[in-house]
Amino acid sequence: MSVRNGIIGAGNWVLDKIKLIDRWPGEGNLCTITGEIHSPGGGPCNVLFDLAAIDPSLPLWAAGRLGNDAEGATLLAEMKKRGIDTAGITTSDTASTSFTDVMSGEGKRTFFHCRGANAEFNPADLERLDFPAKFFYLGYLLLLDSFDRVDPATGKPAAVKALASMRAKGYKTIVDFVSDAPERFRTVVLPALPEIDILIVNEIEAQACCGCLLRDGSRLNAAGLPAAVDRLFDLGVGETVVIHFPEGAAGRNRDGKYFCSPSCHIDAADIAGTTGAGDAFAAGTIYALHQGWELRDAVRLGSASSYFNLLSPTATAGAVPLEKMTAFLKECGFNPVP
């Protein structure tokens, strides 16, 4: 049997229309847009584009739906420029390419999202995928209508059967979510956890899954993290749980020891934007796990990936090669070479 290698990224493909604003206005107040940047975005886009920058030799495949429009053509061209295989991309003649208006300023951001063709992407689109990849990434649940919808035959979200199918094909599954109301996590996310091998989520999403308090305003409840990790395994996650947050990241393998690692320090004045920072963390962590690194070192690479992301206002323009990240981590006192 041939050795599996590479990563499939499936789910939301989006054109981010980032508006840089001079201040964060109160409701009903006005601010000034100082610049606008159009940039590819969405979970699989951000993760795959970051992975392509980390290691251009890594095989990457894209899956999802785009509109038959200029925005879709732009996203396809960007994938091909990075050497990403687009055989899993379907073009819709009935829906436009998804886009998000991102308001970014003062270290904060908010999103106005149009689902577009992403709403048509469905589990049947995954059945034809037959690539020799090692990992299958799906993002974002709670923003993929056909995957979030309950399957009448099973009484569970369609994502459950779709992820089981990907695991049956031999892929390790990785899933990301958007932050949404806790009741939606209970109905959509929790049933899918037993079909997820590697879970990488932020503290707000972990909190919604577990029903525990991990973030109270600006205060992180670090003492609650070990129990949250344990609870996610109890809920069915197969191999690995990582919870990331601005202060750092924590997690363990199912048969491993819990750890908590700090983020790479960055001065607030150096932060150009936070769009895609969580996906950058995921990309670095996923790459290291794919290459067989220990989980603690993988999380540190994820932290470095997120650090470089913060230096750019867009979701992926800050991504750098592996060598630059490992050199940076050594400067920080870590030696992340496996």
C-alpha atoms as a PDB file:
ATOM      1  CA  MET A   1       0.000   0.000   0.000  1.00  0.00           C
ATOM      2  CA  SER A   2       1.305   3.460  -0.895  1.00  0.00           C
ATOM      3  CA  VAL A   3       2.011   5.876   1.944  1.00  0.00           C
ATOM      4  CA  ARG A   4      -0.604   8.608   2.307  1.00  0.00           C
ATOM      5  CA  ASN A   5       0.724  12.142   2.037  1.00  0.00           C
ATOM      6  CA  GLY A   6      -0.888  15.565   1.943  1.00  0.00           C
ATOM      7  CA  ILE A   7      -4.056  17.309   3.034  1.00  0.00           C
ATOM      8  CA  ILE A   8      -7.517  17.879   1.593  1.00  0.00           C
ATOM      9  CA  GLY A   9      -9.157  21.165   2.585  1.00  0.00           C
ATOM     10  CA  ALA A  10     -12.943  21.245   2.137  1.00  0.00           C
ATOM     11  CA  GLY A  11     -15.719  23.641   3.081  1.00  0.00           C
ATOM     12  CA  ASN A  12     -16.151  27.406   2.971  1.00  0.00           C
ATOM     13  CA  TRP A  13     -14.383  29.264   0.146  1.00  0.00           C
ATOM     14  CA  VAL A  14     -14.810  32.996   0.546  1.00  0.00           C
ATOM     15  CA  LEU A  15     -13.557  36.261  -0.888  1.00  0.00           C
ATOM     16  CA  ASP A  16     -12.820  38.504   2.095  1.00  0.00           C
ATOM     17  CA  LYS A  17     -13.418  42.203   1.464  1.00  0.00           C
ATOM     18  CA  ILE A  18     -11.462  43.718   4.328  1.00  0.00           C
ATOM     19  CA  LYS A  19     -12.219  47.308   5.272  1.00  0.00           C
ATOM     20  CA  LEU A  20      -9.530  48.938   7.416  1.00  0.00           C
ATOM     21  CA  ILE A  21     -11.197  51.431   9.753  1.00  0.00           C
ATOM     22  CA  ASP A  22      -9.711  54.261  11.795  1.00  0.00           C
ATOM     23  CA  ARG A  23     -11.595  53.427  14.980  1.00  0.00           C
ATOM     24  CA  TRP A  24     -14.263  51.098  16.353  1.00  0.00           C
ATOM     25  CA  PRO A  25     -17.544  53.070  16.355  1.00  0.00           C
ATOM     26  CA  GLY A  26     -20.445  52.663  18.710  1.00  0.00           C
ATOM     27  CA  GLU A  27     -23.831  51.659  17.350  1.00  0.00           C
ATOM     28  CA  GLY A  28     -25.206  54.416  15.125  1.00  0.00           C
ATOM     29  CA  ASN A  29     -21.848  56.211  14.946  1.00  0.00           C
ATOM     30  CA  LEU A  30     -19.545  56.744  11.993  1.00  0.00           C
ATOM     31  CA  CYS A  31     -15.957  55.778  11.313  1.00  0.00           C
ATOM     32  CA  THR A  32     -13.679  56.222   8.307  1.00  0.00           C
ATOM     33  CA  ILE A  33     -12.595  53.403   5.991  1.00  0.00           C
ATOM     34  CA  THR A  34      -8.896  54.044   5.436  1.00  0.00           C
ATOM     35  CA  GLY A  35      -8.308  51.224   2.986  1.00  0.00           C
ATOM     36  CA  GLU A  36      -9.823  48.116   1.422  1.00  0.00           C
ATOM     37  CA  ILE A  37      -8.161  44.816   0.591  1.00  0.00           C
ATOM     38  CA  HIS A  38      -9.699  41.860  -1.236  1.00  0.00           C
ATOM     39  CA  SER A  39      -8.263  38.555  -0.092  1.00  0.00           C
ATOM     40  CA  PRO A  40      -9.146  34.855  -0.306  1.00  0.00           C
ATOM     41  CA  GLY A  41     -10.644  33.493   2.917  1.00  0.00           C
ATOM     42  CA  GLY A  42     -12.621  30.724   4.593  1.00  0.00           C
ATOM     43  CA  GLY A  43     -11.377  27.745   6.578  1.00  0.00           C
ATOM     44  CA  PRO A  44      -9.975  25.477   3.848  1.00  0.00           C
ATOM     45  CA  CYS A  45      -8.635  28.429   1.898  1.00  0.00           C
ATOM     46  CA  ASN A  46      -6.748  29.889   4.852  1.00  0.00           C
ATOM     47  CA  VAL A  47      -5.408  26.544   6.013  1.00  0.00           C
ATOM     48  CA  LEU A  48      -4.317  25.347   2.553  1.00  0.00           C
ATOM     49  CA  PHE A  49      -2.772  28.683   1.560  1.00  0.00           C
ATOM     50  CA  ASP A  50      -0.798  28.778   4.809  1.00  0.00           C
ATOM     51  CA  LEU A  51       0.292  25.164   4.302  1.00  0.00           C
ATOM     52  CA  ALA A  52       1.423  25.970   0.750  1.00  0.00           C
ATOM     53  CA  ALA A  53       3.625  28.730   2.164  1.00  0.00           C
ATOM     54  CA  ILE A  54       4.988  26.538   4.963  1.00  0.00           C
ATOM     55  CA  ASP A  55       6.000  23.704   2.603  1.00  0.00           C
ATOM     56  CA  PRO A  56       5.441  24.100  -1.158  1.00  0.00           C
ATOM     57  CA  SER A  57       6.258  20.404  -1.673  1.00  0.00           C
ATOM     58  CA  LEU A  58       3.290  19.213   0.431  1.00  0.00           C
ATOM     59  CA  PRO A  59       0.453  17.807  -1.748  1.00  0.00           C
ATOM     60  CA  LEU A  60      -2.735  19.826  -1.233  1.00  0.00           C
ATOM     61  CA  TRP A  61      -6.253  19.375  -2.583  1.00  0.00           C
ATOM     62  CA  ALA A  62      -9.198  21.789  -2.468  1.00  0.00           C
ATOM     63  CA  ALA A  63     -12.889  20.822  -2.296  1.00  0.00           C
ATOM     64  CA  GLY A  64     -15.930  23.073  -2.267  1.00  0.00           C
ATOM     65  CA  ARG A  65     -18.203  25.195  -4.436  1.00  0.00           C
ATOM     66  CA  LEU A  66     -17.653  28.542  -6.126  1.00  0.00           C
ATOM     67  CA  GLY A  67     -19.892  30.742  -8.207  1.00  0.00           C
ATOM     68  CA  ASN A  68     -19.430  31.125 -11.945  1.00  0.00           C
ATOM     69  CA  ASP A  69     -18.216  34.690 -11.521  1.00  0.00           C
ATOM     70  CA  ALA A  70     -15.146  36.896 -11.275  1.00  0.00           C
ATOM     71  CA  GLU A  71     -14.739  36.209  -7.549  1.00  0.00           C
ATOM     72  CA  GLY A  72     -14.750  32.466  -8.172  1.00  0.00           C
ATOM     73  CA  ALA A  73     -12.202  32.843 -10.962  1.00  0.00           C
ATOM     74  CA  THR A  74     -10.001  34.852  -8.599  1.00  0.00           C
ATOM     75  CA  LEU A  75     -10.088  32.130  -5.948  1.00  0.00           C
ATOM     76  CA  LEU A  76      -9.339  29.391  -8.493  1.00  0.00           C
ATOM     77  CA  ALA A  77      -6.391  31.361  -9.859  1.00  0.00           C
ATOM     78  CA  GLU A  78      -5.018  31.846  -6.342  1.00  0.00           C
ATOM     79  CA  MET A  79      -5.284  28.103  -5.626  1.00  0.00           C
ATOM     80  CA  LYS A  80      -3.473  27.184  -8.831  1.00  0.00           C
ATOM     81  CA  LYS A  81      -0.772  29.799  -8.195  1.00  0.00           C
ATOM     82  CA  ARG A  82       0.024  27.967  -4.959  1.00  0.00           C
ATOM     83  CA  GLY A  83       0.077  24.530  -6.569  1.00  0.00           C
ATOM     84  CA  ILE A  84      -3.185  23.379  -4.953  1.00  0.00           C
ATOM     85  CA  ASP A  85      -5.112  20.720  -6.879  1.00  0.00           C
ATOM     86  CA  THR A  86      -8.601  22.055  -7.697  1.00  0.00           C
ATOM     87  CA  ALA A  87     -10.191  18.801  -8.921  1.00  0.00           C
ATOM     88  CA  GLY A  88     -12.524  18.823  -5.916  1.00  0.00           C
ATOM     89  CA  ILE A  89     -13.940  22.275  -6.690  1.00  0.00           C
ATOM     90  CA  THR A  90     -17.397  22.500  -8.300  1.00  0.00           C
ATOM     91  CA  THR A  91     -18.743  25.623 -10.009  1.00  0.00           C
ATOM     92  CA  SER A  92     -22.340  26.665  -9.371  1.00  0.00           C
ATOM     93  CA  ASP A  93     -24.470  28.285 -12.052  1.00  0.00           C
ATOM     94  CA  THR A  94     -27.149  29.320  -9.553  1.00  0.00           C
ATOM     95  CA  ALA A  95     -25.253  30.955  -6.682  1.00  0.00           C
ATOM     96  CA  SER A  96     -22.514  33.553  -6.436  1.00  0.00           C
ATOM     97  CA  THR A  97     -19.146  32.977  -4.809  1.00  0.00           C
ATOM     98  CA  SER A  98     -19.387  33.523  -1.077  1.00  0.00           C
ATOM     99  CA  PHE A  99     -17.966  36.751   0.313  1.00  0.00           C
ATOM    100  CA  THR A 100     -17.455  38.395   3.699  1.00  0.00           C
ATOM    101  CA  ASP A 101     -17.213  42.083   4.503  1.00  0.00           C
ATOM    102  CA  VAL A 102     -14.638  42.268   7.301  1.00  0.00           C
ATOM    103  CA  MET A 103     -14.394  45.423   9.393  1.00  0.00           C
ATOM    104  CA  SER A 104     -10.918  45.547  10.949  1.00  0.00           C
ATOM    105  CA  GLY A 105      -9.561  48.158  13.333  1.00  0.00           C
ATOM    106  CA  GLU A 106      -8.102  48.693  16.808  1.00  0.00           C
ATOM    107  CA  GLY A 107      -7.187  45.010  16.980  1.00  0.00           C
ATOM    108  CA  LYS A 108     -10.844  44.007  16.586  1.00  0.00           C
ATOM    109  CA  ARG A 109     -12.885  42.641  13.706  1.00  0.00           C
ATOM    110  CA  THR A 110     -16.455  41.827  12.801  1.00  0.00           C
ATOM    111  CA  PHE A 111     -17.927  39.982   9.831  1.00  0.00           C
ATOM    112  CA  PHE A 112     -20.890  40.397   7.479  1.00  0.00           C
ATOM    113  CA  HIS A 113     -21.138  37.157   5.536  1.00  0.00           C
ATOM    114  CA  CYS A 114     -22.918  36.029   2.351  1.00  0.00           C
ATOM    115  CA  ARG A 115     -23.086  32.215   2.141  1.00  0.00           C
ATOM    116  CA  GLY A 116     -23.457  32.081  -1.650  1.00  0.00           C
ATOM    117  CA  ALA A 117     -22.318  28.868  -3.329  1.00  0.00           C
ATOM    118  CA  ASN A 118     -21.043  27.466  -0.017  1.00  0.00           C
ATOM    119  CA  ALA A 119     -24.684  26.792   0.879  1.00  0.00           C
ATOM    120  CA  GLU A 120     -24.825  24.343  -2.057  1.00  0.00           C
ATOM    121  CA  PHE A 121     -21.714  22.386  -1.033  1.00  0.00           C
ATOM    122  CA  ASN A 122     -22.974  19.075   0.318  1.00  0.00           C
ATOM    123  CA  PRO A 123     -21.833  15.611   1.481  1.00  0.00           C
ATOM    124  CA  ALA A 124     -22.392  14.144  -1.988  1.00  0.00           C
ATOM    125  CA  ASP A 125     -19.586  16.399  -3.237  1.00  0.00           C
ATOM    126  CA  LEU A 126     -17.206  14.503  -0.952  1.00  0.00           C
ATOM    127  CA  GLU A 127     -18.122  11.063  -2.262  1.00  0.00           C
ATOM    128  CA  ARG A 128     -16.157  11.588  -5.470  1.00  0.00           C
ATOM    129  CA  LEU A 129     -12.984  12.628  -3.663  1.00  0.00           C
ATOM    130  CA  ASP A 130     -10.322   9.959  -4.091  1.00  0.00           C
ATOM    131  CA  PHE A 131      -6.969  11.568  -3.387  1.00  0.00           C
ATOM    132  CA  PRO A 132      -4.014   9.868  -1.624  1.00  0.00           C
ATOM    133  CA  ALA A 133      -4.068  12.391   1.211  1.00  0.00           C
ATOM    134  CA  LYS A 134      -3.348  11.656   4.860  1.00  0.00           C
ATOM    135  CA  PHE A 135      -5.610  14.306   6.455  1.00  0.00           C
ATOM    136  CA  PHE A 136      -9.082  15.590   5.564  1.00  0.00           C
ATOM    137  CA  TYR A 137      -9.934  19.041   6.916  1.00  0.00           C
ATOM    138  CA  LEU A 138     -13.526  20.387   6.953  1.00  0.00           C
ATOM    139  CA  GLY A 139     -14.323  23.973   7.923  1.00  0.00           C
ATOM    140  CA  TYR A 140     -16.525  25.452   9.047  1.00  0.00           C
ATOM    141  CA  LEU A 141     -19.339  23.481  10.619  1.00  0.00           C
ATOM    142  CA  LEU A 142     -22.198  25.794  11.678  1.00  0.00           C
ATOM    143  CA  LEU A 143     -21.640  27.666   8.403  1.00  0.00           C
ATOM    144  CA  LEU A 144     -22.173  24.829   5.897  1.00  0.00           C
ATOM    145  CA  ASP A 145     -25.928  24.520   5.463  1.00  0.00           C
ATOM    146  CA  SER A 146     -26.038  21.065   3.873  1.00  0.00           C
ATOM    147  CA  PHE A 147     -23.678  19.581   6.468  1.00  0.00           C
ATOM    148  CA  ASP A 148     -25.422  21.241   9.412  1.00  0.00           C
ATOM    149  CA  ARG A 149     -28.884  20.079   8.327  1.00  0.00           C
ATOM    150  CA  VAL A 150     -30.332  17.026  10.083  1.00  0.00           C
ATOM    151  CA  ASP A 151     -30.415  13.873   7.960  1.00  0.00           C
ATOM    152  CA  PRO A 152     -33.950  12.416   8.323  1.00  0.00           C
ATOM    153  CA  ALA A 153     -32.572   8.885   7.969  1.00  0.00           C
ATOM    154  CA  THR A 154     -30.274   9.176  10.991  1.00  0.00           C
ATOM    155  CA  GLY A 155     -31.676  12.060  13.016  1.00  0.00           C
ATOM    156  CA  LYS A 156     -28.161  13.526  13.086  1.00  0.00           C
ATOM    157  CA  PRO A 157     -26.505  16.352  11.147  1.00  0.00           C
ATOM    158  CA  ALA A 158     -25.402  15.259   7.677  1.00  0.00           C
ATOM    159  CA  ALA A 159     -21.810  16.061   8.671  1.00  0.00           C
ATOM    160  CA  VAL A 160     -21.731  12.942  10.852  1.00  0.00           C
ATOM    161  CA  LYS A 161     -22.234  10.541   7.958  1.00  0.00           C
ATOM    162  CA  ALA A 162     -19.959  12.613   5.694  1.00  0.00           C
ATOM    163  CA  LEU A 163     -17.081  12.522   8.183  1.00  0.00           C
ATOM    164  CA  ALA A 164     -17.589   8.797   8.777  1.00  0.00           C
ATOM    165  CA  SER A 165     -17.320   8.314   5.020  1.00  0.00           C
ATOM    166  CA  MET A 166     -14.028  10.227   4.900  1.00  0.00           C
ATOM    167  CA  ARG A 167     -12.644   8.140   7.753  1.00  0.00           C
ATOM    168  CA  ALA A 168     -13.723   4.967   5.939  1.00  0.00           C
ATOM    169  CA  LYS A 169     -11.660   6.134   2.967  1.00  0.00           C
ATOM    170  CA  GLY A 170      -8.609   6.218   5.223  1.00  0.00           C
ATOM    171  CA  TYR A 171      -8.338   9.929   6.011  1.00  0.00           C
ATOM    172  CA  LYS A 172      -7.759  11.333   9.496  1.00  0.00           C
ATOM    173  CA  THR A 173     -10.451  13.962   9.993  1.00  0.00           C
ATOM    174  CA  ILE A 174      -9.908  17.500  11.264  1.00  0.00           C
ATOM    175  CA  VAL A 175     -12.883  19.821  11.751  1.00  0.00           C
ATOM    176  CA  ASP A 176     -13.205  23.484  12.627  1.00  0.00           C
ATOM    177  CA  PHE A 177     -16.300  25.478  13.608  1.00  0.00           C
ATOM    178  CA  VAL A 178     -17.440  29.059  13.709  1.00  0.00           C
ATOM    179  CA  SER A 179     -18.397  30.584  17.028  1.00  0.00           C
ATOM    180  CA  ASP A 180     -22.176  30.375  17.342  1.00  0.00           C
ATOM    181  CA  ALA A 181     -24.910  29.991  19.947  1.00  0.00           C
ATOM    182  CA  PRO A 182     -24.335  27.118  22.423  1.00  0.00           C
ATOM    183  CA  GLU A 183     -27.607  25.448  21.422  1.00  0.00           C
ATOM    184  CA  ARG A 184     -26.347  25.079  17.850  1.00  0.00           C
ATOM    185  CA  PHE A 185     -23.186  23.421  19.149  1.00  0.00           C
ATOM    186  CA  ARG A 186     -25.361  20.924  20.997  1.00  0.00           C
ATOM    187  CA  THR A 187     -27.412  20.036  17.914  1.00  0.00           C
ATOM    188  CA  VAL A 188     -24.738  20.200  15.177  1.00  0.00           C
ATOM    189  CA  VAL A 189     -21.273  19.902  16.685  1.00  0.00           C
ATOM    190  CA  LEU A 190     -21.633  17.416  19.538  1.00  0.00           C
ATOM    191  CA  PRO A 191     -23.051  14.616  17.336  1.00  0.00           C
ATOM    192  CA  ALA A 192     -20.073  15.052  14.966  1.00  0.00           C
ATOM    193  CA  LEU A 193     -17.325  14.832  17.598  1.00  0.00           C
ATOM    194  CA  PRO A 194     -17.055  10.989  17.510  1.00  0.00           C
ATOM    195  CA  GLU A 195     -16.146  11.244  13.799  1.00  0.00           C
ATOM    196  CA  ILE A 196     -13.355  13.787  14.403  1.00  0.00           C
ATOM    197  CA  ASP A 197      -9.813  12.481  14.885  1.00  0.00           C
ATOM    198  CA  ILE A 198      -8.055  15.795  15.505  1.00  0.00           C
ATOM    199  CA  LEU A 199      -9.927  18.746  17.009  1.00  0.00           C
ATOM    200  CA  ILE A 200      -8.334  22.221  16.985  1.00  0.00           C
ATOM    201  CA  VAL A 201     -10.680  24.897  18.365  1.00  0.00           C
ATOM    202  CA  ASN A 202     -10.539  28.170  20.260  1.00  0.00           C
ATOM    203  CA  GLU A 203     -11.599  28.558  23.870  1.00  0.00           C
ATOM    204  CA  ILE A 204     -15.007  30.028  22.981  1.00  0.00           C
ATOM    205  CA  GLU A 205     -15.844  27.029  20.780  1.00  0.00           C
ATOM    206  CA  ALA A 206     -14.552  24.581  23.401  1.00  0.00           C
ATOM    207  CA  GLN A 207     -16.663  26.373  25.993  1.00  0.00           C
ATOM    208  CA  ALA A 208     -19.766  26.002  23.824  1.00  0.00           C
ATOM    209  CA  CYS A 209     -19.084  22.283  23.367  1.00  0.00           C
ATOM    210  CA  CYS A 210     -18.391  21.541  27.023  1.00  0.00           C
ATOM    211  CA  GLY A 211     -20.749  23.931  28.770  1.00  0.00           C
ATOM    212  CA  CYS A 212     -17.873  25.177  30.942  1.00  0.00           C
ATOM    213  CA  LEU A 213     -16.568  28.716  31.458  1.00  0.00           C
ATOM    214  CA  LEU A 214     -13.185  29.242  29.805  1.00  0.00           C
ATOM    215  CA  ARG A 215     -13.389  32.952  28.990  1.00  0.00           C
ATOM    216  CA  ASP A 216     -14.986  35.621  31.139  1.00  0.00           C
ATOM    217  CA  GLY A 217     -14.513  38.884  29.272  1.00  0.00           C
ATOM    218  CA  SER A 218     -10.766  39.440  29.025  1.00  0.00           C
ATOM    219  CA  ARG A 219      -9.956  36.779  31.652  1.00  0.00           C
ATOM    220  CA  LEU A 220      -8.978  33.268  30.617  1.00  0.00           C
ATOM    221  CA  ASN A 221     -10.029  30.536  33.038  1.00  0.00           C
ATOM    222  CA  ALA A 222      -6.828  28.539  32.621  1.00  0.00           C
ATOM    223  CA  ALA A 223      -7.738  26.257  35.509  1.00  0.00           C
ATOM    224  CA  GLY A 224     -10.720  24.993  33.533  1.00  0.00           C
ATOM    225  CA  LEU A 225      -8.745  23.964  30.449  1.00  0.00           C
ATOM    226  CA  PRO A 226      -7.682  20.437  31.538  1.00  0.00           C
ATOM    227  CA  ALA A 227     -11.283  19.489  32.322  1.00  0.00           C
ATOM    228  CA  ALA A 228     -12.438  20.927  28.998  1.00  0.00           C
ATOM    229  CA  VAL A 229      -9.875  18.829  27.120  1.00  0.00           C
ATOM    230  CA  ASP A 230     -10.971  15.725  29.034  1.00  0.00           C
ATOM    231  CA  ARG A 231     -14.624  16.517  28.328  1.00  0.00           C
ATOM    232  CA  LEU A 232     -14.006  16.785  24.568  1.00  0.00           C
ATOM    233  CA  PHE A 233     -12.476  13.298  24.631  1.00  0.00           C
ATOM    234  CA  ASP A 234     -15.436  12.045  26.665  1.00  0.00           C
ATOM    235  CA  LEU A 235     -17.715  13.491  23.964  1.00  0.00           C
ATOM    236  CA  GLY A 236     -15.976  11.344  21.359  1.00  0.00           C
ATOM    237  CA  VAL A 237     -12.945  13.075  19.812  1.00  0.00           C
ATOM    238  CA  GLY A 238     -10.663  10.306  18.632  1.00  0.00           C
ATOM    239  CA  GLU A 239      -6.963  11.168  18.883  1.00  0.00           C
ATOM    240  CA  THR A 240      -6.040  14.769  19.649  1.00  0.00           C
ATOM    241  CA  VAL A 241      -7.590  17.855  21.261  1.00  0.00           C
ATOM    242  CA  VAL A 242      -6.017  21.314  21.066  1.00  0.00           C
ATOM    243  CA  ILE A 243      -7.633  24.456  22.463  1.00  0.00           C
ATOM    244  CA  HIS A 244      -6.008  27.726  21.404  1.00  0.00           C
ATOM    245  CA  PHE A 245      -6.526  31.213  22.796  1.00  0.00           C
ATOM    246  CA  PRO A 246      -4.704  34.571  22.599  1.00  0.00           C
ATOM    247  CA  GLU A 247      -2.555  33.702  25.601  1.00  0.00           C
ATOM    248  CA  GLY A 248      -1.441  30.306  24.276  1.00  0.00           C
ATOM    249  CA  ALA A 249      -2.733  26.799  23.633  1.00  0.00           C
ATOM    250  CA  ALA A 250      -3.423  23.632  25.599  1.00  0.00           C
ATOM    251  CA  GLY A 251      -4.230  20.031  24.825  1.00  0.00           C
ATOM    252  CA  ARG A 252      -3.138  16.432  24.748  1.00  0.00           C
ATOM    253  CA  ASN A 253      -3.378  13.236  22.768  1.00  0.00           C
ATOM    254  CA  ARG A 254      -5.937  10.728  24.043  1.00  0.00           C
ATOM    255  CA  ASP A 255      -3.208   8.630  25.664  1.00  0.00           C
ATOM    256  CA  GLY A 256      -0.911  11.563  26.456  1.00  0.00           C
ATOM    257  CA  LYS A 257      -0.249  14.105  29.172  1.00  0.00           C
ATOM    258  CA  TYR A 258      -1.972  17.493  29.293  1.00  0.00           C
ATOM    259  CA  PHE A 259       0.170  20.562  28.593  1.00  0.00           C
ATOM    260  CA  CYS A 260      -0.289  24.312  28.196  1.00  0.00           C
ATOM    261  CA  SER A 261       2.067  26.401  26.051  1.00  0.00           C
ATOM    262  CA  PRO A 262       2.289  30.212  25.827  1.00  0.00           C
ATOM    263  CA  SER A 263       1.794  32.169  22.618  1.00  0.00           C
ATOM    264  CA  CYS A 264       4.715  33.816  20.870  1.00  0.00           C
ATOM    265  CA  HIS A 265       4.849  37.362  22.193  1.00  0.00           C
ATOM    266  CA  ILE A 266       3.870  40.161  19.816  1.00  0.00           C
ATOM    267  CA  ASP A 267       3.643  43.863  20.609  1.00  0.00           C
ATOM    268  CA  ALA A 268       0.156  45.259  20.116  1.00  0.00           C
ATOM    269  CA  ALA A 269       1.567  47.951  17.832  1.00  0.00           C
ATOM    270  CA  ASP A 270       2.841  45.268  15.446  1.00  0.00           C
ATOM    271  CA  ILE A 271      -0.567  43.635  14.958  1.00  0.00           C
ATOM    272  CA  ALA A 272      -1.824  44.576  11.483  1.00  0.00           C
ATOM    273  CA  GLY A 273      -4.967  42.449  11.757  1.00  0.00           C
ATOM    274  CA  THR A 274      -6.353  39.311  13.366  1.00  0.00           C
ATOM    275  CA  THR A 275      -8.254  37.871  10.398  1.00  0.00           C
ATOM    276  CA  GLY A 276      -7.252  34.232   9.877  1.00  0.00           C
ATOM    277  CA  ALA A 277      -5.098  34.012  13.018  1.00  0.00           C
ATOM    278  CA  GLY A 278      -6.912  30.920  14.294  1.00  0.00           C
ATOM    279  CA  ASP A 279      -6.655  29.240  10.903  1.00  0.00           C
ATOM    280  CA  ALA A 280      -2.941  30.071  10.784  1.00  0.00           C
ATOM    281  CA  PHE A 281      -2.523  28.396  14.169  1.00  0.00           C
ATOM    282  CA  ALA A 282      -4.389  25.367  12.843  1.00  0.00           C
ATOM    283  CA  ALA A 283      -2.258  25.236   9.691  1.00  0.00           C
ATOM    284  CA  GLY A 284       1.017  25.204  11.609  1.00  0.00           C
ATOM    285  CA  THR A 285      -0.260  22.590  14.040  1.00  0.00           C
ATOM    286  CA  ILE A 286      -1.703  20.419  11.257  1.00  0.00           C
ATOM    287  CA  TYR A 287       1.523  20.561   9.259  1.00  0.00           C
ATOM    288  CA  ALA A 288       3.614  19.453  12.224  1.00  0.00           C
ATOM    289  CA  LEU A 289       1.216  16.631  13.112  1.00  0.00           C
ATOM    290  CA  HIS A 290       1.221  15.516   9.471  1.00  0.00           C
ATOM    291  CA  GLN A 291       5.021  15.358   9.641  1.00  0.00           C
ATOM    292  CA  GLY A 292       4.950  13.294  12.831  1.00  0.00           C
ATOM    293  CA  TRP A 293       6.032  15.939  15.349  1.00  0.00           C
ATOM    294  CA  GLU A 294       5.214  15.666  19.035  1.00  0.00           C
ATOM    295  CA  LEU A 295       2.030  17.531  19.895  1.00  0.00           C
ATOM    296  CA  ARG A 296       3.703  20.157  22.107  1.00  0.00           C
ATOM    297  CA  ASP A 297       6.124  21.047  19.276  1.00  0.00           C
ATOM    298  CA  ALA A 298       3.241  21.056  16.792  1.00  0.00           C
ATOM    299  CA  VAL A 299       1.367  23.574  18.927  1.00  0.00           C
ATOM    300  CA  ARG A 300       4.451  25.788  19.136  1.00  0.00           C
ATOM    301  CA  LEU A 301       4.694  25.782  15.351  1.00  0.00           C
ATOM    302  CA  GLY A 302       1.021  26.727  15.286  1.00  0.00           C
ATOM    303  CA  SER A 303       1.799  29.651  17.588  1.00  0.00           C
ATOM    304  CA  ALA A 304       4.594  30.825  15.278  1.00  0.00           C
ATOM    305  CA  SER A 305       2.296  30.543  12.279  1.00  0.00           C
ATOM    306  CA  SER A 306      -0.296  32.667  14.077  1.00  0.00           C
ATOM    307  CA  TYR A 307       2.388  35.220  15.023  1.00  0.00           C
ATOM    308  CA  PHE A 308       3.345  35.841  11.404  1.00  0.00           C
ATOM    309  CA  ASN A 309      -0.324  35.997  10.429  1.00  0.00           C
ATOM    310  CA  LEU A 310      -0.842  38.903  12.835  1.00  0.00           C
ATOM    311  CA  LEU A 311       1.766  40.950  10.961  1.00  0.00           C
ATOM    312  CA  SER A 312      -0.571  41.147   7.933  1.00  0.00           C
ATOM    313  CA  PRO A 313      -4.120  42.568   7.661  1.00  0.00           C
ATOM    314  CA  THR A 314      -5.309  39.670   5.474  1.00  0.00           C
ATOM    315  CA  ALA A 315      -5.973  36.036   6.317  1.00  0.00           C
ATOM    316  CA  THR A 316      -2.956  34.460   4.579  1.00  0.00           C
ATOM    317  CA  ALA A 317      -0.511  37.091   3.300  1.00  0.00           C
ATOM    318  CA  GLY A 318       1.597  36.792   6.455  1.00  0.00           C
ATOM    319  CA  ALA A 319       2.337  33.075   5.965  1.00  0.00           C
ATOM    320  CA  VAL A 320       6.046  32.193   5.802  1.00  0.00           C
ATOM    321  CA  PRO A 321       8.120  29.064   5.072  1.00  0.00           C
ATOM    322  CA  LEU A 322       8.842  26.463   7.743  1.00  0.00           C
ATOM    323  CA  GLU A 323      12.484  27.518   7.996  1.00  0.00           C
ATOM    324  CA  LYS A 324      11.554  31.072   8.981  1.00  0.00           C
ATOM    325  CA  MET A 325       9.140  29.852  11.648  1.00  0.00           C
ATOM    326  CA  THR A 326      11.577  27.394  13.203  1.00  0.00           C
ATOM    327  CA  ALA A 327      14.314  30.055  13.253  1.00  0.00           C
ATOM    328  CA  PHE A 328      11.897  32.436  14.980  1.00  0.00           C
ATOM    329  CA  LEU A 329      10.957  29.804  17.565  1.00  0.00           C
ATOM    330  CA  LYS A 330      14.636  29.203  18.368  1.00  0.00           C
ATOM    331  CA  GLU A 331      14.995  32.940  18.962  1.00  0.00           C
ATOM    332  CA  CYS A 332      12.098  32.604  21.411  1.00  0.00           C
ATOM    333  CA  GLY A 333      13.909  29.822  23.275  1.00  0.00           C
ATOM    334  CA  PHE A 334      12.178  26.824  21.704  1.00  0.00           C
ATOM    335  CA  ASN A 335      13.749  24.113  19.575  1.00  0.00           C
ATOM    336  CA  PRO A 336      10.807  22.698  17.597  1.00  0.00           C
ATOM    337  CA  VAL A 337      12.814  20.391  15.326  1.00  0.00           C
ATOM    338  CA  PRO A 338      11.315  16.879  15.640  1.00  0.00           C
END
